[in-house]
Amino acid sequence: MPSDKRDLYNGFGDSLARAFEVVFTPFLFGLFGWWIDGRVGTRPLFALTLGILVLIYTLWKLSAGYLTQMDAETRKVLHRD
């Protein structure tokens, strides 16, 4: 398989994994919060709090990873010359 196609397919796979992480992780923590709310009787306090906090953390983590990756790519391009 040519290198360009392999990189393209890896990019698609990475994007799908990141999209799944952005959607599924906050949803899972929201469900856990919903369970806690059922036990404590504070519905939907924990569900919303956990879901929103995990969503913010996930987006921050993806953003930080993207910026780090772009810095590395920029350094590679600048040192190639």
N, C-alpha and C. Protein backbone atom coordinates (compact mmCIF):
# COMPACT_ATOMS: atom_id res chain seq x y z
N MET A 1 0.85 -1.17 0.00
CA MET A 1 0.00 0.00 0.00
C MET A 1 0.90 1.24 0.00
N PRO A 2 0.62 2.18 -0.87
CA PRO A 2 1.43 3.41 -0.91
C PRO A 2 1.33 4.19 0.41
N SER A 3 2.38 4.93 0.67
CA SER A 3 2.46 5.67 1.93
C SER A 3 1.34 6.70 2.06
N ASP A 4 0.97 7.36 0.94
CA ASP A 4 -0.09 8.37 1.00
C ASP A 4 -1.42 7.76 1.43
N LYS A 5 -1.76 6.60 0.87
CA LYS A 5 -3.03 5.96 1.24
C LYS A 5 -3.00 5.50 2.69
N ARG A 6 -1.87 4.97 3.12
CA ARG A 6 -1.76 4.51 4.49
C ARG A 6 -1.95 5.68 5.46
N ASP A 7 -1.31 6.81 5.16
CA ASP A 7 -1.48 8.00 6.00
C ASP A 7 -2.92 8.48 6.01
N LEU A 8 -3.56 8.42 4.85
CA LEU A 8 -4.97 8.83 4.75
C LEU A 8 -5.86 7.94 5.60
N TYR A 9 -5.67 6.63 5.48
CA TYR A 9 -6.48 5.69 6.27
C TYR A 9 -6.20 5.83 7.76
N ASN A 10 -4.95 6.06 8.13
CA ASN A 10 -4.63 6.28 9.54
C ASN A 10 -5.30 7.56 10.05
N GLY A 11 -5.33 8.59 9.22
CA GLY A 11 -6.00 9.83 9.59
C GLY A 11 -7.48 9.63 9.82
N PHE A 12 -8.12 8.85 8.93
CA PHE A 12 -9.55 8.55 9.11
C PHE A 12 -9.79 7.77 10.39
N GLY A 13 -8.94 6.79 10.66
CA GLY A 13 -9.08 5.99 11.87
C GLY A 13 -8.89 6.82 13.13
N ASP A 14 -7.88 7.69 13.12
CA ASP A 14 -7.64 8.56 14.27
C ASP A 14 -8.81 9.51 14.50
N SER A 15 -9.35 10.05 13.42
CA SER A 15 -10.48 10.98 13.54
C SER A 15 -11.70 10.28 14.10
N LEU A 16 -11.96 9.07 13.64
CA LEU A 16 -13.11 8.31 14.14
C LEU A 16 -12.93 7.99 15.62
N ALA A 17 -11.73 7.62 16.01
CA ALA A 17 -11.46 7.32 17.43
C ALA A 17 -11.66 8.56 18.29
N ARG A 18 -11.20 9.71 17.82
CA ARG A 18 -11.37 10.95 18.59
C ARG A 18 -12.83 11.35 18.68
N ALA A 19 -13.57 11.21 17.59
CA ALA A 19 -15.00 11.54 17.61
C ALA A 19 -15.73 10.62 18.59
N PHE A 20 -15.40 9.34 18.57
CA PHE A 20 -16.02 8.40 19.49
C PHE A 20 -15.70 8.78 20.94
N GLU A 21 -14.47 9.19 21.17
CA GLU A 21 -14.06 9.60 22.53
C GLU A 21 -14.81 10.84 23.00
N VAL A 22 -15.02 11.81 22.10
CA VAL A 22 -15.72 13.04 22.47
C VAL A 22 -17.17 12.75 22.81
N VAL A 23 -17.78 11.79 22.14
CA VAL A 23 -19.20 11.50 22.37
C VAL A 23 -19.39 10.48 23.49
N PHE A 24 -18.65 9.39 23.43
CA PHE A 24 -18.92 8.27 24.34
C PHE A 24 -18.47 8.52 25.77
N THR A 25 -17.31 9.12 25.96
CA THR A 25 -16.78 9.30 27.32
C THR A 25 -17.68 10.19 28.18
N PRO A 26 -18.08 11.39 27.69
CA PRO A 26 -19.01 12.19 28.52
C PRO A 26 -20.36 11.49 28.74
N PHE A 27 -20.82 10.75 27.72
CA PHE A 27 -22.07 10.02 27.87
C PHE A 27 -21.96 8.96 28.97
N LEU A 28 -20.84 8.25 28.98
CA LEU A 28 -20.63 7.21 29.99
C LEU A 28 -20.58 7.82 31.40
N PHE A 29 -19.86 8.93 31.55
CA PHE A 29 -19.80 9.59 32.85
C PHE A 29 -21.15 10.20 33.22
N GLY A 30 -21.90 10.68 32.23
CA GLY A 30 -23.24 11.17 32.50
C GLY A 30 -24.15 10.06 33.03
N LEU A 31 -24.03 8.87 32.45
CA LEU A 31 -24.80 7.73 32.95
C LEU A 31 -24.40 7.37 34.38
N PHE A 32 -23.11 7.42 34.65
CA PHE A 32 -22.64 7.16 36.00
C PHE A 32 -23.20 8.21 36.97
N GLY A 33 -23.20 9.46 36.54
CA GLY A 33 -23.79 10.53 37.35
C GLY A 33 -25.28 10.33 37.56
N TRP A 34 -25.96 9.84 36.53
CA TRP A 34 -27.40 9.55 36.64
C TRP A 34 -27.64 8.48 37.69
N TRP A 35 -26.76 7.47 37.71
CA TRP A 35 -26.87 6.41 38.71
C TRP A 35 -26.65 6.98 40.12
N ILE A 36 -25.63 7.82 40.27
CA ILE A 36 -25.37 8.46 41.56
C ILE A 36 -26.58 9.31 41.97
N ASP A 37 -27.13 10.07 41.01
CA ASP A 37 -28.31 10.90 41.30
C ASP A 37 -29.48 10.05 41.78
N GLY A 38 -29.66 8.88 41.20
CA GLY A 38 -30.74 7.98 41.62
C GLY A 38 -30.55 7.50 43.04
N ARG A 39 -29.31 7.26 43.41
CA ARG A 39 -29.01 6.81 44.77
C ARG A 39 -29.18 7.92 45.80
N VAL A 40 -28.75 9.14 45.41
CA VAL A 40 -28.75 10.26 46.34
C VAL A 40 -30.05 11.05 46.28
N GLY A 41 -30.71 11.01 45.12
CA GLY A 41 -31.96 11.75 44.95
C GLY A 41 -31.75 13.19 44.50
N THR A 42 -30.71 13.45 43.74
CA THR A 42 -30.41 14.82 43.31
C THR A 42 -30.51 14.98 41.80
N ARG A 43 -31.28 14.14 41.16
CA ARG A 43 -31.35 14.14 39.70
C ARG A 43 -31.64 15.51 39.15
N PRO A 44 -30.99 16.03 38.18
CA PRO A 44 -29.88 15.56 37.35
C PRO A 44 -28.54 16.22 37.70
N LEU A 45 -28.32 16.56 38.93
CA LEU A 45 -27.12 17.30 39.34
C LEU A 45 -25.82 16.59 38.95
N PHE A 46 -25.62 15.37 39.41
CA PHE A 46 -24.37 14.67 39.14
C PHE A 46 -24.25 14.29 37.66
N ALA A 47 -25.35 13.94 37.03
CA ALA A 47 -25.31 13.56 35.61
C ALA A 47 -24.81 14.73 34.77
N LEU A 48 -25.37 15.90 34.96
CA LEU A 48 -24.95 17.07 34.20
C LEU A 48 -23.53 17.50 34.56
N THR A 49 -23.22 17.50 35.84
CA THR A 49 -21.90 17.94 36.28
C THR A 49 -20.81 17.03 35.73
N LEU A 50 -20.96 15.74 35.90
CA LEU A 50 -19.94 14.81 35.42
C LEU A 50 -19.85 14.84 33.89
N GLY A 51 -20.99 14.85 33.21
CA GLY A 51 -20.98 14.88 31.75
C GLY A 51 -20.30 16.12 31.20
N ILE A 52 -20.62 17.28 31.76
CA ILE A 52 -20.04 18.53 31.27
C ILE A 52 -18.55 18.62 31.61
N LEU A 53 -18.17 18.23 32.82
CA LEU A 53 -16.76 18.28 33.19
C LEU A 53 -15.91 17.35 32.31
N VAL A 54 -16.40 16.15 32.06
CA VAL A 54 -15.66 15.21 31.23
C VAL A 54 -15.62 15.70 29.78
N LEU A 55 -16.67 16.31 29.30
CA LEU A 55 -16.66 16.87 27.95
C LEU A 55 -15.62 17.98 27.84
N ILE A 56 -15.58 18.87 28.81
CA ILE A 56 -14.59 19.96 28.80
C ILE A 56 -13.17 19.38 28.85
N TYR A 57 -12.94 18.40 29.71
CA TYR A 57 -11.61 17.79 29.80
C TYR A 57 -11.23 17.10 28.48
N THR A 58 -12.16 16.38 27.89
CA THR A 58 -11.88 15.67 26.64
C THR A 58 -11.53 16.65 25.53
N LEU A 59 -12.29 17.73 25.42
CA LEU A 59 -12.00 18.73 24.38
C LEU A 59 -10.66 19.42 24.64
N TRP A 60 -10.35 19.70 25.90
CA TRP A 60 -9.05 20.29 26.23
C TRP A 60 -7.91 19.35 25.87
N LYS A 61 -8.09 18.06 26.20
CA LYS A 61 -7.05 17.08 25.92
C LYS A 61 -6.82 16.94 24.41
N LEU A 62 -7.89 16.91 23.63
CA LEU A 62 -7.75 16.82 22.18
C LEU A 62 -7.09 18.07 21.62
N SER A 63 -7.46 19.22 22.14
CA SER A 63 -6.87 20.48 21.69
C SER A 63 -5.38 20.53 22.01
N ALA A 64 -5.00 20.15 23.21
CA ALA A 64 -3.59 20.15 23.61
C ALA A 64 -2.80 19.17 22.75
N GLY A 65 -3.36 18.00 22.48
CA GLY A 65 -2.69 17.03 21.63
C GLY A 65 -2.52 17.53 20.21
N TYR A 66 -3.54 18.20 19.70
CA TYR A 66 -3.47 18.77 18.36
C TYR A 66 -2.38 19.84 18.27
N LEU A 67 -2.34 20.73 19.25
CA LEU A 67 -1.32 21.78 19.24
C LEU A 67 0.09 21.20 19.35
N THR A 68 0.27 20.19 20.17
CA THR A 68 1.57 19.54 20.29
C THR A 68 1.98 18.89 18.98
N GLN A 69 1.03 18.21 18.34
CA GLN A 69 1.31 17.56 17.06
C GLN A 69 1.65 18.59 15.98
N MET A 70 0.93 19.70 15.95
CA MET A 70 1.21 20.73 14.95
C MET A 70 2.57 21.39 15.20
N ASP A 71 2.94 21.59 16.46
CA ASP A 71 4.27 22.13 16.77
C ASP A 71 5.38 21.19 16.28
N ALA A 72 5.18 19.88 16.50
CA ALA A 72 6.17 18.90 16.04
C ALA A 72 6.27 18.91 14.51
N GLU A 73 5.14 18.99 13.83
CA GLU A 73 5.15 19.04 12.37
C GLU A 73 5.83 20.31 11.87
N THR A 74 5.59 21.43 12.53
CA THR A 74 6.22 22.70 12.15
C THR A 74 7.72 22.61 12.32
N ARG A 75 8.17 22.02 13.44
CA ARG A 75 9.60 21.87 13.67
C ARG A 75 10.24 20.98 12.61
N LYS A 76 9.52 19.90 12.21
CA LYS A 76 10.05 19.02 11.17
C LYS A 76 10.22 19.76 9.86
N VAL A 77 9.23 20.57 9.50
CA VAL A 77 9.29 21.31 8.24
C VAL A 77 10.40 22.36 8.30
N LEU A 78 10.53 23.05 9.40
CA LEU A 78 11.55 24.10 9.51
C LEU A 78 12.96 23.52 9.51
N HIS A 79 13.15 22.35 10.09
CA HIS A 79 14.49 21.76 10.14
C HIS A 79 14.84 20.99 8.88
N ARG A 80 13.86 20.77 8.03
CA ARG A 80 14.11 20.07 6.79
C ARG A 80 14.87 20.97 5.81
N ASP A 81 14.64 22.28 5.89
CA ASP A 81 15.27 23.21 4.95
C ASP A 81 16.72 23.37 5.16
